[in-house]
Protein backbone atom coordinates (compact mmCIF):
# COMPACT_ATOMS: atom_id res chain seq x y z
CA MET A 1 23.44 -123.68 -97.47
CA HIS A 2 24.68 -127.12 -98.47
CA ALA A 3 24.68 -129.43 -95.42
CA GLN A 4 28.37 -130.33 -95.78
CA THR A 5 29.30 -126.66 -96.19
CA GLU A 6 27.33 -125.76 -93.07
CA ALA A 7 28.97 -128.55 -91.05
CA TYR A 8 32.39 -127.54 -92.38
CA ILE A 9 31.96 -123.89 -91.43
CA ASP A 10 30.51 -124.80 -88.03
CA SER A 11 33.60 -126.88 -87.25
CA PHE A 12 35.78 -123.77 -86.91
CA PRO A 13 36.23 -121.30 -84.04
CA THR A 14 33.92 -118.28 -84.11
CA PHE A 15 36.52 -115.90 -85.60
CA THR A 16 37.23 -118.18 -88.55
CA LYS A 17 33.58 -119.18 -88.91
CA GLU A 18 32.59 -115.51 -89.36
CA ILE A 19 35.11 -115.10 -92.18
CA LEU A 20 33.90 -118.25 -93.93
CA LEU A 21 30.28 -117.17 -93.60
CA LYS A 22 31.11 -113.76 -95.07
CA ILE A 23 32.82 -115.38 -98.08
CA HIS A 24 29.85 -117.71 -98.54
CA GLN A 25 27.52 -114.68 -98.41
CA LEU A 26 29.60 -112.82 -101.02
CA ILE A 27 29.34 -115.79 -103.36
CA LYS A 28 25.58 -116.19 -102.87
CA GLN A 29 24.92 -112.42 -103.20
CA ASN A 30 26.84 -112.20 -106.45
CA ALA A 31 25.92 -115.61 -107.86
CA PRO A 32 22.53 -116.39 -106.31
CA HIS A 33 21.86 -119.17 -108.81
CA SER A 34 25.22 -120.84 -108.32
CA GLU A 35 25.25 -124.54 -107.59
CA GLU A 36 26.70 -125.19 -104.16
CA ASP A 37 28.57 -128.41 -103.49
CA PHE A 38 31.38 -129.79 -101.37
CA SER A 39 34.42 -130.86 -103.33
CA TYR A 40 38.08 -131.48 -102.53
CA GLY A 41 37.10 -131.23 -98.84
CA MET A 42 35.85 -127.65 -99.12
CA PRO A 43 32.81 -125.58 -100.15
CA ALA A 44 32.61 -125.41 -103.93
CA TYR A 45 30.43 -123.35 -106.25
CA LYS A 46 29.61 -123.61 -109.96
CA THR A 47 27.88 -121.35 -112.46
CA ASN A 48 26.78 -122.52 -115.88
CA GLY A 49 28.03 -125.99 -114.95
CA LYS A 50 31.60 -124.72 -114.56
CA PRO A 51 33.65 -124.25 -111.39
CA LEU A 52 33.32 -120.75 -109.97
CA VAL A 53 35.29 -120.64 -106.70
CA TYR A 54 36.22 -122.76 -103.69
CA PHE A 55 37.35 -121.71 -100.23
CA ALA A 56 38.81 -123.37 -97.17
CA ALA A 57 40.11 -122.51 -93.73
CA TYR A 58 43.45 -123.57 -92.33
CA LYS A 59 45.26 -122.91 -89.08
CA ASN A 60 46.76 -119.59 -90.20
CA HIS A 61 44.96 -118.60 -93.38
CA ILE A 62 41.92 -118.79 -95.62
CA GLY A 63 42.57 -120.47 -98.94
CA PHE A 64 40.63 -119.03 -101.85
CA TYR A 65 40.59 -120.90 -105.14
CA ALA A 66 39.29 -119.20 -108.29
CA THR A 67 41.09 -121.42 -110.79
CA PRO A 68 44.23 -120.15 -112.45
CA THR A 69 42.36 -117.65 -114.63
CA GLY A 70 40.76 -115.89 -111.67
CA HIS A 71 44.10 -115.41 -110.02
CA GLU A 72 45.93 -114.52 -113.21
CA ALA A 73 43.50 -111.66 -113.83
CA PHE A 74 44.19 -110.25 -110.36
CA LYS A 75 47.90 -111.04 -110.11
CA GLU A 76 48.84 -107.43 -109.29
CA LYS A 77 46.24 -107.18 -106.52
CA ILE A 78 47.21 -110.48 -104.89
CA LEU A 79 51.00 -109.99 -104.99
CA ALA A 80 51.09 -109.37 -101.24
CA TYR A 81 49.69 -112.84 -100.51
CA LYS A 82 51.18 -116.30 -100.70
CA GLN A 83 49.94 -118.06 -103.82
CA GLY A 84 49.87 -121.35 -105.62
CA LYS A 85 48.51 -122.28 -109.03
CA GLY A 86 44.91 -121.16 -108.82
CA SER A 87 45.05 -120.35 -105.11
CA VAL A 88 45.74 -117.45 -102.81
CA GLN A 89 46.18 -117.48 -99.04
CA PHE A 90 44.70 -114.71 -96.91
CA PRO A 91 46.38 -114.74 -93.48
CA LEU A 92 44.06 -114.84 -90.49
CA ASN A 93 46.21 -112.27 -88.68
CA GLN A 94 45.46 -109.64 -91.36
CA ALA A 95 42.25 -108.03 -92.54
CA ILE A 96 40.52 -110.27 -95.07
CA PRO A 97 40.21 -108.38 -98.40
CA TYR A 98 36.50 -108.99 -98.91
CA SER A 99 36.19 -106.40 -101.68
CA LEU A 100 38.98 -108.14 -103.62
CA ILE A 101 37.32 -111.52 -103.07
CA GLU A 102 34.08 -110.04 -104.40
CA GLU A 103 35.88 -108.64 -107.46
CA ILE A 104 37.34 -112.07 -108.19
CA ILE A 105 33.93 -113.73 -107.78
CA LYS A 106 32.35 -111.26 -110.20
CA PHE A 107 35.16 -111.81 -112.70
CA ARG A 108 34.70 -115.59 -112.53
CA ILE A 109 30.91 -115.25 -112.98
CA GLU A 110 31.45 -113.21 -116.15
CA GLU A 111 34.11 -115.60 -117.35
CA ASN A 112 31.82 -118.61 -116.89
CA PHE A 113 28.96 -116.75 -118.58
CA ALA A 114 31.19 -115.95 -121.57
CA LYS A 115 32.35 -119.58 -121.81
CA ASN A 116 28.73 -120.71 -121.77
CA LYS A 117 27.84 -118.37 -124.66
CA LYS A 118 30.49 -119.97 -126.88
């Protein structure tokens, strides 16, 4: 794990830390060769030299950033969550939709792979 990512995750209370670690694990399981960095003040991952996903913790939610295309492709599945351009907020007082996060990660991996083939 990238040193800044580890320090970032460790800075949160146990409950939030466990969520962040699980998201990190989902990324690394599905994109084991992804490049891990720390950008915009949060853990950041790239595949094929292109941004894959970012995530961050806040007081009341987890922010998940899969660029606009990742969110556009899942717009029906993320309707229940507060969103911004390229971001979705998963409230900490609700179950985190890990399977949805994994679907989005897999979509972004394929999307980056396809872009790289062009």
